[in-house]
Amino acid sequence: MKDCVRKFILHIELERNLSPNTIKNYERDLNQFIEFLKFQLGRKQPRIGDVTRLAIRHFLSVLRDEGAKVSTVRRKLATIKSFMKYMCSRENLKSNPAASIKMPAAERRLPCFLEEQDARKLMDSAQKDGFTGLRDLAILEILYGTGMRLSELHALDVDDIDLFSETTRVKGKGRKERLLPLGRMALVAVREYLERRAGFVARKGRPEERAFLVNRFGRRLSRRGIQRVIQRSLERVCKLKQMSPHVLRHTFATHLLEKGADLRAVQELLGHASLSSTQIYTHVTSERLRQVYDQAHPRA
């Protein structure tokens, strides 16, 4: 079965052009399923014929019993479904045991976001001098100003930013590219950081480094490094259950919609393939709802 997984991973990498993160998740999920089959069957090398509807349902049941989130269970089932569909098309399997298994209902939790005054405090509290201070401010302004994902910011190169057209090119999920506008404050932060960055990477002996965000050694700043910047910054101004870069993405989308932005436009900016993914941000404050009601209803 491991050979089958290797073929499948090669297929999604070369033919489906999925992102490296998605490919890693697929491979990890399938290897976890193989380990489950090994334990259940008492066999070192499970065969593709050992993948039955009952085995898959048992695997999902164990995941839930171990406290896995619904979103995690859904992802692992989607991985198995995709793998078995591939096996049916390429290895001439007579039936797909995963095809009839229904997805668990998705949890629809409201995203965690900052109020407008807290977002303003976040930017005002950032250090605005020294290389690290300017870099961290650029991180905050870009995430709040564009709504890009952590993975997109991490992969950003200097060449992806066009100060003349005031846009940045990002590589999203499925390696799809999109252009995002840079707002006035984000542009100021990016320009000041880039001016300091040029001399910094030269002093570190890495003038050829193309990563937009660099660490103290002049190399690409890690995802964990970006997460630490966001967590420290958020802790200075508020107390949220979630202290991740996604808070600023949620805040970006929420504030746009509260100010009357078109849902389709926000979908494009976020890089969502489906409008349903964007609709979760249509939660608005009671003040906004009251304002719309007062303006629109003839008897308000």
C-alpha atoms as a PDB file:
ATOM      1  CA  MET A   1       0.000   0.000   0.000  1.00  0.00           C
ATOM      2  CA  LYS A   2       2.944   2.328   0.609  1.00  0.00           C
ATOM      3  CA  ASP A   3       3.841   2.080  -3.091  1.00  0.00           C
ATOM      4  CA  CYS A   4       0.288   3.102  -3.957  1.00  0.00           C
ATOM      5  CA  VAL A   5       0.583   6.142  -1.685  1.00  0.00           C
ATOM      6  CA  ARG A   6       3.874   7.130  -3.314  1.00  0.00           C
ATOM      7  CA  LYS A   7       2.269   6.979  -6.761  1.00  0.00           C
ATOM      8  CA  PHE A   8      -0.659   9.058  -5.551  1.00  0.00           C
ATOM      9  CA  ILE A   9       1.588  11.715  -3.981  1.00  0.00           C
ATOM     10  CA  LEU A  10       3.567  11.931  -7.212  1.00  0.00           C
ATOM     11  CA  HIS A  11       0.285  12.311  -9.108  1.00  0.00           C
ATOM     12  CA  ILE A  12      -1.028  15.216  -7.012  1.00  0.00           C
ATOM     13  CA  GLU A  13       2.363  16.904  -7.095  1.00  0.00           C
ATOM     14  CA  LEU A  14       2.920  16.736 -10.858  1.00  0.00           C
ATOM     15  CA  GLU A  15      -0.567  16.560 -12.360  1.00  0.00           C
ATOM     16  CA  ARG A  16      -2.845  18.380  -9.922  1.00  0.00           C
ATOM     17  CA  ASN A  17      -0.324  21.088  -9.073  1.00  0.00           C
ATOM     18  CA  LEU A  18      -1.300  21.232  -5.395  1.00  0.00           C
ATOM     19  CA  SER A  19       0.606  23.358  -2.900  1.00  0.00           C
ATOM     20  CA  PRO A  20       3.523  21.807  -0.942  1.00  0.00           C
ATOM     21  CA  ASN A  21       1.549  22.178   2.316  1.00  0.00           C
ATOM     22  CA  THR A  22      -1.453  20.307   0.910  1.00  0.00           C
ATOM     23  CA  ILE A  23       0.787  17.545  -0.421  1.00  0.00           C
ATOM     24  CA  LYS A  24       2.433  17.144   3.002  1.00  0.00           C
ATOM     25  CA  ASN A  25      -0.987  16.917   4.657  1.00  0.00           C
ATOM     26  CA  TYR A  26      -2.143  14.269   2.153  1.00  0.00           C
ATOM     27  CA  GLU A  27       0.978  12.192   2.715  1.00  0.00           C
ATOM     28  CA  ARG A  28       0.790  12.503   6.509  1.00  0.00           C
ATOM     29  CA  ASP A  29      -2.913  11.590   6.599  1.00  0.00           C
ATOM     30  CA  LEU A  30      -2.434   8.525   4.405  1.00  0.00           C
ATOM     31  CA  ASN A  31       0.567   7.325   6.392  1.00  0.00           C
ATOM     32  CA  GLN A  32      -1.505   7.685   9.567  1.00  0.00           C
ATOM     33  CA  PHE A  33      -4.240   5.584   7.967  1.00  0.00           C
ATOM     34  CA  ILE A  34      -1.691   2.926   6.994  1.00  0.00           C
ATOM     35  CA  GLU A  35      -0.403   2.791  10.589  1.00  0.00           C
ATOM     36  CA  PHE A  36      -3.995   2.371  11.772  1.00  0.00           C
ATOM     37  CA  LEU A  37      -4.494  -0.552   9.376  1.00  0.00           C
ATOM     38  CA  LYS A  38      -1.238  -2.146  10.521  1.00  0.00           C
ATOM     39  CA  PHE A  39      -2.399  -2.055  14.126  1.00  0.00           C
ATOM     40  CA  GLN A  40      -5.917  -3.278  13.366  1.00  0.00           C
ATOM     41  CA  LEU A  41      -4.878  -6.086  11.041  1.00  0.00           C
ATOM     42  CA  GLY A  42      -1.658  -7.085  12.775  1.00  0.00           C
ATOM     43  CA  ARG A  43       0.084  -6.936   9.416  1.00  0.00           C
ATOM     44  CA  LYS A  44       3.318  -5.085   8.561  1.00  0.00           C
ATOM     45  CA  GLN A  45       2.289  -4.293   4.993  1.00  0.00           C
ATOM     46  CA  PRO A  46      -1.446  -3.613   4.516  1.00  0.00           C
ATOM     47  CA  ARG A  47      -2.741  -4.109   0.979  1.00  0.00           C
ATOM     48  CA  ILE A  48      -5.081  -1.836  -0.941  1.00  0.00           C
ATOM     49  CA  GLY A  49      -7.723  -4.553  -0.628  1.00  0.00           C
ATOM     50  CA  ASP A  50      -7.657  -4.052   3.152  1.00  0.00           C
ATOM     51  CA  VAL A  51      -9.203  -0.612   2.693  1.00  0.00           C
ATOM     52  CA  THR A  52     -12.876  -1.297   3.267  1.00  0.00           C
ATOM     53  CA  ARG A  53     -15.802   0.940   4.114  1.00  0.00           C
ATOM     54  CA  LEU A  54     -15.831  -0.507   7.629  1.00  0.00           C
ATOM     55  CA  ALA A  55     -12.080   0.119   8.089  1.00  0.00           C
ATOM     56  CA  ILE A  56     -12.422   3.748   7.020  1.00  0.00           C
ATOM     57  CA  ARG A  57     -15.407   4.341   9.322  1.00  0.00           C
ATOM     58  CA  HIS A  58     -13.515   2.712  12.201  1.00  0.00           C
ATOM     59  CA  PHE A  59     -10.523   4.983  11.531  1.00  0.00           C
ATOM     60  CA  LEU A  60     -12.740   8.089  11.619  1.00  0.00           C
ATOM     61  CA  SER A  61     -14.427   6.870  14.796  1.00  0.00           C
ATOM     62  CA  VAL A  62     -11.056   6.439  16.521  1.00  0.00           C
ATOM     63  CA  LEU A  63     -10.060   9.962  15.469  1.00  0.00           C
ATOM     64  CA  ARG A  64     -13.215  11.406  17.025  1.00  0.00           C
ATOM     65  CA  ASP A  65     -12.737   9.350  20.208  1.00  0.00           C
ATOM     66  CA  GLU A  66      -9.213  10.764  20.490  1.00  0.00           C
ATOM     67  CA  GLY A  67     -10.604  14.297  20.392  1.00  0.00           C
ATOM     68  CA  ALA A  68      -9.804  15.272  16.798  1.00  0.00           C
ATOM     69  CA  LYS A  69     -11.626  18.357  15.552  1.00  0.00           C
ATOM     70  CA  VAL A  70     -14.399  17.891  13.015  1.00  0.00           C
ATOM     71  CA  SER A  71     -12.324  19.877  10.500  1.00  0.00           C
ATOM     72  CA  THR A  72      -9.441  17.419  10.972  1.00  0.00           C
ATOM     73  CA  VAL A  73     -11.700  14.388  10.498  1.00  0.00           C
ATOM     74  CA  ARG A  74     -13.189  15.972   7.365  1.00  0.00           C
ATOM     75  CA  ARG A  75      -9.732  16.609   5.915  1.00  0.00           C
ATOM     76  CA  LYS A  76      -8.536  13.068   6.548  1.00  0.00           C
ATOM     77  CA  LEU A  77     -11.680  11.587   5.024  1.00  0.00           C
ATOM     78  CA  ALA A  78     -11.298  13.864   1.989  1.00  0.00           C
ATOM     79  CA  THR A  79      -7.716  12.613   1.626  1.00  0.00           C
ATOM     80  CA  ILE A  80      -8.810   8.961   1.727  1.00  0.00           C
ATOM     81  CA  LYS A  81     -11.633   9.650  -0.734  1.00  0.00           C
ATOM     82  CA  SER A  82      -9.239  11.326  -3.159  1.00  0.00           C
ATOM     83  CA  PHE A  83      -6.692   8.513  -2.783  1.00  0.00           C
ATOM     84  CA  MET A  84      -9.241   5.745  -3.372  1.00  0.00           C
ATOM     85  CA  LYS A  85     -10.737   7.578  -6.347  1.00  0.00           C
ATOM     86  CA  TYR A  86      -7.248   7.727  -7.844  1.00  0.00           C
ATOM     87  CA  MET A  87      -6.709   4.030  -7.159  1.00  0.00           C
ATOM     88  CA  CYS A  88      -9.975   3.147  -8.877  1.00  0.00           C
ATOM     89  CA  SER A  89      -9.026   5.120 -11.979  1.00  0.00           C
ATOM     90  CA  ARG A  90      -5.393   4.014 -12.190  1.00  0.00           C
ATOM     91  CA  GLU A  91      -5.299   0.561 -10.584  1.00  0.00           C
ATOM     92  CA  ASN A  92      -8.632  -0.731 -11.890  1.00  0.00           C
ATOM     93  CA  LEU A  93     -10.234  -1.282  -8.505  1.00  0.00           C
ATOM     94  CA  LYS A  94     -13.793  -2.521  -8.948  1.00  0.00           C
ATOM     95  CA  SER A  95     -15.323  -0.310  -6.278  1.00  0.00           C
ATOM     96  CA  ASN A  96     -14.452   2.682  -4.131  1.00  0.00           C
ATOM     97  CA  PRO A  97     -15.176   1.904  -0.456  1.00  0.00           C
ATOM     98  CA  ALA A  98     -14.887   5.568   0.498  1.00  0.00           C
ATOM     99  CA  ALA A  99     -17.364   6.889  -2.067  1.00  0.00           C
ATOM    100  CA  SER A 100     -20.504   6.263   0.019  1.00  0.00           C
ATOM    101  CA  ILE A 101     -19.129   7.639   3.297  1.00  0.00           C
ATOM    102  CA  LYS A 102     -20.669  11.016   4.049  1.00  0.00           C
ATOM    103  CA  MET A 103     -18.644  13.934   5.295  1.00  0.00           C
ATOM    104  CA  PRO A 104     -19.310  14.945   8.922  1.00  0.00           C
ATOM    105  CA  ALA A 105     -21.156  18.258   9.151  1.00  0.00           C
ATOM    106  CA  ALA A 106     -18.693  21.120   9.234  1.00  0.00           C
ATOM    107  CA  GLU A 107     -18.382  23.286  12.330  1.00  0.00           C
ATOM    108  CA  ARG A 108     -19.241  26.911  11.603  1.00  0.00           C
ATOM    109  CA  ARG A 109     -17.436  28.837  14.292  1.00  0.00           C
ATOM    110  CA  LEU A 110     -17.355  32.596  14.047  1.00  0.00           C
ATOM    111  CA  PRO A 111     -13.842  33.831  13.279  1.00  0.00           C
ATOM    112  CA  CYS A 112     -11.876  35.693  15.928  1.00  0.00           C
ATOM    113  CA  PHE A 113     -11.193  39.294  14.897  1.00  0.00           C
ATOM    114  CA  LEU A 114     -10.166  42.683  16.268  1.00  0.00           C
ATOM    115  CA  GLU A 115     -12.454  45.640  16.722  1.00  0.00           C
ATOM    116  CA  GLU A 116     -11.419  48.631  14.633  1.00  0.00           C
ATOM    117  CA  GLN A 117     -10.011  50.539  17.612  1.00  0.00           C
ATOM    118  CA  ASP A 118      -7.950  47.504  18.650  1.00  0.00           C
ATOM    119  CA  ALA A 119      -6.558  47.149  15.121  1.00  0.00           C
ATOM    120  CA  ARG A 120      -5.529  50.806  15.289  1.00  0.00           C
ATOM    121  CA  LYS A 121      -3.913  50.272  18.692  1.00  0.00           C
ATOM    122  CA  LEU A 122      -2.062  47.243  17.312  1.00  0.00           C
ATOM    123  CA  MET A 123      -0.402  49.312  14.600  1.00  0.00           C
ATOM    124  CA  ASP A 124       0.279  52.257  16.911  1.00  0.00           C
ATOM    125  CA  SER A 125       1.924  50.013  19.509  1.00  0.00           C
ATOM    126  CA  ALA A 126       4.419  48.544  17.042  1.00  0.00           C
ATOM    127  CA  GLN A 127       8.038  49.696  17.174  1.00  0.00           C
ATOM    128  CA  LYS A 128       8.880  51.899  14.231  1.00  0.00           C
ATOM    129  CA  ASP A 129      12.668  52.048  14.392  1.00  0.00           C
ATOM    130  CA  GLY A 130      15.481  49.567  13.898  1.00  0.00           C
ATOM    131  CA  PHE A 131      15.461  46.739  11.390  1.00  0.00           C
ATOM    132  CA  THR A 132      13.376  44.343  13.496  1.00  0.00           C
ATOM    133  CA  GLY A 133      10.846  47.025  14.418  1.00  0.00           C
ATOM    134  CA  LEU A 134      10.330  48.071  10.796  1.00  0.00           C
ATOM    135  CA  ARG A 135      10.068  44.451   9.669  1.00  0.00           C
ATOM    136  CA  ASP A 136       7.489  43.600  12.332  1.00  0.00           C
ATOM    137  CA  LEU A 137       5.429  46.682  11.477  1.00  0.00           C
ATOM    138  CA  ALA A 138       5.514  45.659   7.795  1.00  0.00           C
ATOM    139  CA  ILE A 139       4.222  42.195   8.807  1.00  0.00           C
ATOM    140  CA  LEU A 140       1.295  43.713  10.708  1.00  0.00           C
ATOM    141  CA  GLU A 141       0.396  46.250   8.029  1.00  0.00           C
ATOM    142  CA  ILE A 142       0.553  43.718   5.191  1.00  0.00           C
ATOM    143  CA  LEU A 143      -1.548  41.096   6.971  1.00  0.00           C
ATOM    144  CA  TYR A 144      -4.186  43.606   8.047  1.00  0.00           C
ATOM    145  CA  GLY A 145      -3.980  45.582   4.800  1.00  0.00           C
ATOM    146  CA  THR A 146      -4.225  42.653   2.363  1.00  0.00           C
ATOM    147  CA  GLY A 147      -5.744  39.729   4.283  1.00  0.00           C
ATOM    148  CA  MET A 148      -3.160  37.320   2.882  1.00  0.00           C
ATOM    149  CA  ARG A 149      -2.506  33.976   4.541  1.00  0.00           C
ATOM    150  CA  LEU A 150       0.514  33.180   6.699  1.00  0.00           C
ATOM    151  CA  SER A 151       1.824  30.810   4.018  1.00  0.00           C
ATOM    152  CA  GLU A 152       1.476  33.540   1.383  1.00  0.00           C
ATOM    153  CA  LEU A 153       3.359  36.088   3.469  1.00  0.00           C
ATOM    154  CA  HIS A 154       6.075  33.559   4.281  1.00  0.00           C
ATOM    155  CA  ALA A 155       6.585  32.809   0.559  1.00  0.00           C
ATOM    156  CA  LEU A 156       6.603  36.492  -0.447  1.00  0.00           C
ATOM    157  CA  ASP A 157       9.731  37.632  -2.323  1.00  0.00           C
ATOM    158  CA  VAL A 158      10.998  41.159  -2.836  1.00  0.00           C
ATOM    159  CA  ASP A 159      10.204  40.835  -6.549  1.00  0.00           C
ATOM    160  CA  ASP A 160       6.554  40.133  -5.732  1.00  0.00           C
ATOM    161  CA  ILE A 161       6.061  43.682  -4.459  1.00  0.00           C
ATOM    162  CA  ASP A 162       5.505  46.462  -7.005  1.00  0.00           C
ATOM    163  CA  LEU A 163       5.736  49.826  -5.282  1.00  0.00           C
ATOM    164  CA  PHE A 164       4.961  51.647  -8.550  1.00  0.00           C
ATOM    165  CA  SER A 165       1.588  49.941  -9.075  1.00  0.00           C
ATOM    166  CA  GLU A 166       1.093  49.630  -5.280  1.00  0.00           C
ATOM    167  CA  THR A 167       0.313  45.927  -5.495  1.00  0.00           C
ATOM    168  CA  THR A 168       1.787  42.636  -4.386  1.00  0.00           C
ATOM    169  CA  ARG A 169       1.612  39.261  -6.105  1.00  0.00           C
ATOM    170  CA  VAL A 170       0.832  36.297  -3.853  1.00  0.00           C
ATOM    171  CA  LYS A 171       0.862  32.578  -4.516  1.00  0.00           C
ATOM    172  CA  GLY A 172      -2.241  31.112  -2.893  1.00  0.00           C
ATOM    173  CA  LYS A 173      -3.655  27.630  -2.451  1.00  0.00           C
ATOM    174  CA  GLY A 174      -3.224  25.387  -5.462  1.00  0.00           C
ATOM    175  CA  ARG A 175      -0.385  27.731  -6.489  1.00  0.00           C
ATOM    176  CA  LYS A 176      -2.930  30.177  -7.854  1.00  0.00           C
ATOM    177  CA  GLU A 177      -1.588  33.696  -8.123  1.00  0.00           C
ATOM    178  CA  ARG A 178      -3.511  36.883  -7.416  1.00  0.00           C
ATOM    179  CA  LEU A 179      -2.697  40.580  -7.186  1.00  0.00           C
ATOM    180  CA  LEU A 180      -3.525  42.408  -3.989  1.00  0.00           C
ATOM    181  CA  PRO A 181      -3.603  46.191  -3.560  1.00  0.00           C
ATOM    182  CA  LEU A 182      -1.337  47.691  -0.910  1.00  0.00           C
ATOM    183  CA  GLY A 183      -3.039  50.360   1.156  1.00  0.00           C
ATOM    184  CA  ARG A 184      -1.504  53.697   2.081  1.00  0.00           C
ATOM    185  CA  MET A 185      -0.206  52.667   5.509  1.00  0.00           C
ATOM    186  CA  ALA A 186       1.017  49.292   4.276  1.00  0.00           C
ATOM    187  CA  LEU A 187       2.960  51.037   1.508  1.00  0.00           C
ATOM    188  CA  VAL A 188       4.648  53.354   3.980  1.00  0.00           C
ATOM    189  CA  ALA A 189       5.659  50.425   6.203  1.00  0.00           C
ATOM    190  CA  VAL A 190       6.891  48.335   3.243  1.00  0.00           C
ATOM    191  CA  ARG A 191       8.955  51.175   1.756  1.00  0.00           C
ATOM    192  CA  GLU A 192      10.671  51.958   5.064  1.00  0.00           C
ATOM    193  CA  TYR A 193      11.382  48.292   5.711  1.00  0.00           C
ATOM    194  CA  LEU A 194      12.774  47.655   2.208  1.00  0.00           C
ATOM    195  CA  GLU A 195      15.131  50.630   2.546  1.00  0.00           C
ATOM    196  CA  ARG A 196      16.539  49.175   5.772  1.00  0.00           C
ATOM    197  CA  ARG A 197      16.467  45.587   4.483  1.00  0.00           C
ATOM    198  CA  ALA A 198      18.848  46.263   1.564  1.00  0.00           C
ATOM    199  CA  GLY A 199      21.705  47.323   3.832  1.00  0.00           C
ATOM    200  CA  PHE A 200      20.895  44.642   6.403  1.00  0.00           C
ATOM    201  CA  VAL A 201      21.177  41.633   4.048  1.00  0.00           C
ATOM    202  CA  ALA A 202      24.332  43.137   2.521  1.00  0.00           C
ATOM    203  CA  ARG A 203      25.974  43.321   5.964  1.00  0.00           C
ATOM    204  CA  LYS A 204      24.965  39.706   6.586  1.00  0.00           C
ATOM    205  CA  GLY A 205      26.710  38.661   3.379  1.00  0.00           C
ATOM    206  CA  ARG A 206      23.451  37.682   1.677  1.00  0.00           C
ATOM    207  CA  PRO A 207      22.739  40.442  -0.878  1.00  0.00           C
ATOM    208  CA  GLU A 208      21.244  37.831  -3.234  1.00  0.00           C
ATOM    209  CA  GLU A 209      18.501  36.850  -0.746  1.00  0.00           C
ATOM    210  CA  ARG A 210      15.112  37.364  -2.434  1.00  0.00           C
ATOM    211  CA  ALA A 211      12.845  36.663   0.558  1.00  0.00           C
ATOM    212  CA  PHE A 212      10.837  39.726   1.546  1.00  0.00           C
ATOM    213  CA  LEU A 213      10.948  38.928   5.266  1.00  0.00           C
ATOM    214  CA  VAL A 214      14.351  37.962   6.652  1.00  0.00           C
ATOM    215  CA  ASN A 215      15.573  36.932  10.096  1.00  0.00           C
ATOM    216  CA  ARG A 216      18.605  38.161  12.019  1.00  0.00           C
ATOM    217  CA  PHE A 217      20.864  36.023   9.828  1.00  0.00           C
ATOM    218  CA  GLY A 218      19.584  37.541   6.586  1.00  0.00           C
ATOM    219  CA  ARG A 219      17.666  34.396   5.614  1.00  0.00           C
ATOM    220  CA  ARG A 220      13.946  33.930   5.002  1.00  0.00           C
ATOM    221  CA  LEU A 221      11.979  34.423   8.204  1.00  0.00           C
ATOM    222  CA  SER A 222      10.262  31.180   9.210  1.00  0.00           C
ATOM    223  CA  ARG A 223       6.527  30.765   9.618  1.00  0.00           C
ATOM    224  CA  ARG A 224       7.057  30.254  13.315  1.00  0.00           C
ATOM    225  CA  GLY A 225       9.006  33.518  13.409  1.00  0.00           C
ATOM    226  CA  ILE A 226       6.083  35.367  11.816  1.00  0.00           C
ATOM    227  CA  GLN A 227       3.662  33.721  14.247  1.00  0.00           C
ATOM    228  CA  ARG A 228       5.757  34.877  17.205  1.00  0.00           C
ATOM    229  CA  VAL A 229       5.731  38.457  15.914  1.00  0.00           C
ATOM    230  CA  ILE A 230       1.924  38.393  15.634  1.00  0.00           C
ATOM    231  CA  GLN A 231       1.427  36.766  19.028  1.00  0.00           C
ATOM    232  CA  ARG A 232       3.667  39.270  20.845  1.00  0.00           C
ATOM    233  CA  SER A 233       1.991  42.173  19.064  1.00  0.00           C
ATOM    234  CA  LEU A 234      -1.561  41.001  19.814  1.00  0.00           C
ATOM    235  CA  GLU A 235      -0.750  40.336  23.468  1.00  0.00           C
ATOM    236  CA  ARG A 236       0.218  44.000  23.855  1.00  0.00           C
ATOM    237  CA  VAL A 237      -3.228  45.317  22.927  1.00  0.00           C
ATOM    238  CA  CYS A 238      -5.903  42.693  23.585  1.00  0.00           C
ATOM    239  CA  LYS A 239      -6.860  39.350  25.065  1.00  0.00           C
ATOM    240  CA  LEU A 240      -8.191  36.953  22.446  1.00  0.00           C
ATOM    241  CA  LYS A 241      -8.613  33.198  22.545  1.00  0.00           C
ATOM    242  CA  GLN A 242      -6.664  33.031  19.302  1.00  0.00           C
ATOM    243  CA  MET A 243      -3.371  34.871  18.823  1.00  0.00           C
ATOM    244  CA  SER A 244      -2.420  33.861  15.282  1.00  0.00           C
ATOM    245  CA  PRO A 245      -1.824  35.581  11.929  1.00  0.00           C
ATOM    246  CA  HIS A 246      -5.296  34.430  10.882  1.00  0.00           C
ATOM    247  CA  VAL A 247      -6.781  36.932  13.341  1.00  0.00           C
ATOM    248  CA  LEU A 248      -5.582  39.736  11.066  1.00  0.00           C
ATOM    249  CA  ARG A 249      -6.978  37.967   7.987  1.00  0.00           C
ATOM    250  CA  HIS A 250     -10.337  37.657   9.763  1.00  0.00           C
ATOM    251  CA  THR A 251     -10.110  41.299  10.826  1.00  0.00           C
ATOM    252  CA  PHE A 252      -9.352  42.424   7.271  1.00  0.00           C
ATOM    253  CA  ALA A 253     -12.416  40.657   5.865  1.00  0.00           C
ATOM    254  CA  THR A 254     -14.738  41.680   8.695  1.00  0.00           C
ATOM    255  CA  HIS A 255     -13.827  45.362   8.521  1.00  0.00           C
ATOM    256  CA  LEU A 256     -14.249  45.459   4.737  1.00  0.00           C
ATOM    257  CA  LEU A 257     -17.719  43.946   4.941  1.00  0.00           C
ATOM    258  CA  GLU A 258     -18.717  46.211   7.830  1.00  0.00           C
ATOM    259  CA  LYS A 259     -17.794  49.185   5.660  1.00  0.00           C
ATOM    260  CA  GLY A 260     -20.030  47.914   2.851  1.00  0.00           C
ATOM    261  CA  ALA A 261     -17.551  46.064   0.604  1.00  0.00           C
ATOM    262  CA  ASP A 262     -19.037  43.656  -1.936  1.00  0.00           C
ATOM    263  CA  LEU A 263     -18.887  40.021  -0.834  1.00  0.00           C
ATOM    264  CA  ARG A 264     -17.578  38.881  -4.229  1.00  0.00           C
ATOM    265  CA  ALA A 265     -14.760  41.432  -4.061  1.00  0.00           C
ATOM    266  CA  VAL A 266     -13.782  40.222  -0.592  1.00  0.00           C
ATOM    267  CA  GLN A 267     -13.824  36.647  -1.917  1.00  0.00           C
ATOM    268  CA  GLU A 268     -11.340  37.623  -4.634  1.00  0.00           C
ATOM    269  CA  LEU A 269      -9.095  39.442  -2.171  1.00  0.00           C
ATOM    270  CA  LEU A 270      -9.034  36.478   0.207  1.00  0.00           C
ATOM    271  CA  GLY A 271      -8.438  33.990  -2.590  1.00  0.00           C
ATOM    272  CA  HIS A 272     -11.415  31.818  -1.647  1.00  0.00           C
ATOM    273  CA  ALA A 273     -12.442  29.318  -4.312  1.00  0.00           C
ATOM    274  CA  SER A 274     -16.013  29.251  -2.993  1.00  0.00           C
ATOM    275  CA  LEU A 275     -18.226  32.136  -1.923  1.00  0.00           C
ATOM    276  CA  SER A 276     -19.482  30.010   0.973  1.00  0.00           C
ATOM    277  CA  SER A 277     -16.043  30.281   2.576  1.00  0.00           C
ATOM    278  CA  THR A 278     -16.340  34.071   2.536  1.00  0.00           C
ATOM    279  CA  GLN A 279     -19.895  34.182   3.827  1.00  0.00           C
ATOM    280  CA  ILE A 280     -18.749  33.337   7.344  1.00  0.00           C
ATOM    281  CA  TYR A 281     -17.526  36.935   7.533  1.00  0.00           C
ATOM    282  CA  THR A 282     -20.991  38.332   6.987  1.00  0.00           C
ATOM    283  CA  HIS A 283     -21.439  38.458  10.739  1.00  0.00           C
ATOM    284  CA  VAL A 284     -21.615  42.167  11.502  1.00  0.00           C
ATOM    285  CA  THR A 285     -22.001  44.229  14.632  1.00  0.00           C
ATOM    286  CA  SER A 286     -25.429  45.029  15.987  1.00  0.00           C
ATOM    287  CA  GLU A 287     -24.662  48.694  15.334  1.00  0.00           C
ATOM    288  CA  ARG A 288     -24.113  47.931  11.650  1.00  0.00           C
ATOM    289  CA  LEU A 289     -27.357  45.951  11.440  1.00  0.00           C
ATOM    290  CA  ARG A 290     -29.248  48.756  13.160  1.00  0.00           C
ATOM    291  CA  GLN A 291     -27.741  51.315  10.786  1.00  0.00           C
ATOM    292  CA  VAL A 292     -28.756  49.317   7.717  1.00  0.00           C
ATOM    293  CA  TYR A 293     -32.248  48.835   9.149  1.00  0.00           C
ATOM    294  CA  ASP A 294     -32.680  52.535   9.932  1.00  0.00           C
ATOM    295  CA  GLN A 295     -31.558  53.552   6.448  1.00  0.00           C
ATOM    296  CA  ALA A 296     -33.537  50.952   4.504  1.00  0.00           C
ATOM    297  CA  HIS A 297     -36.819  50.244   6.269  1.00  0.00           C
ATOM    298  CA  PRO A 298     -39.658  52.722   5.625  1.00  0.00           C
ATOM    299  CA  ARG A 299     -40.978  52.380   9.177  1.00  0.00           C
ATOM    300  CA  ALA A 300     -37.662  52.367  10.994  1.00  0.00           C
END
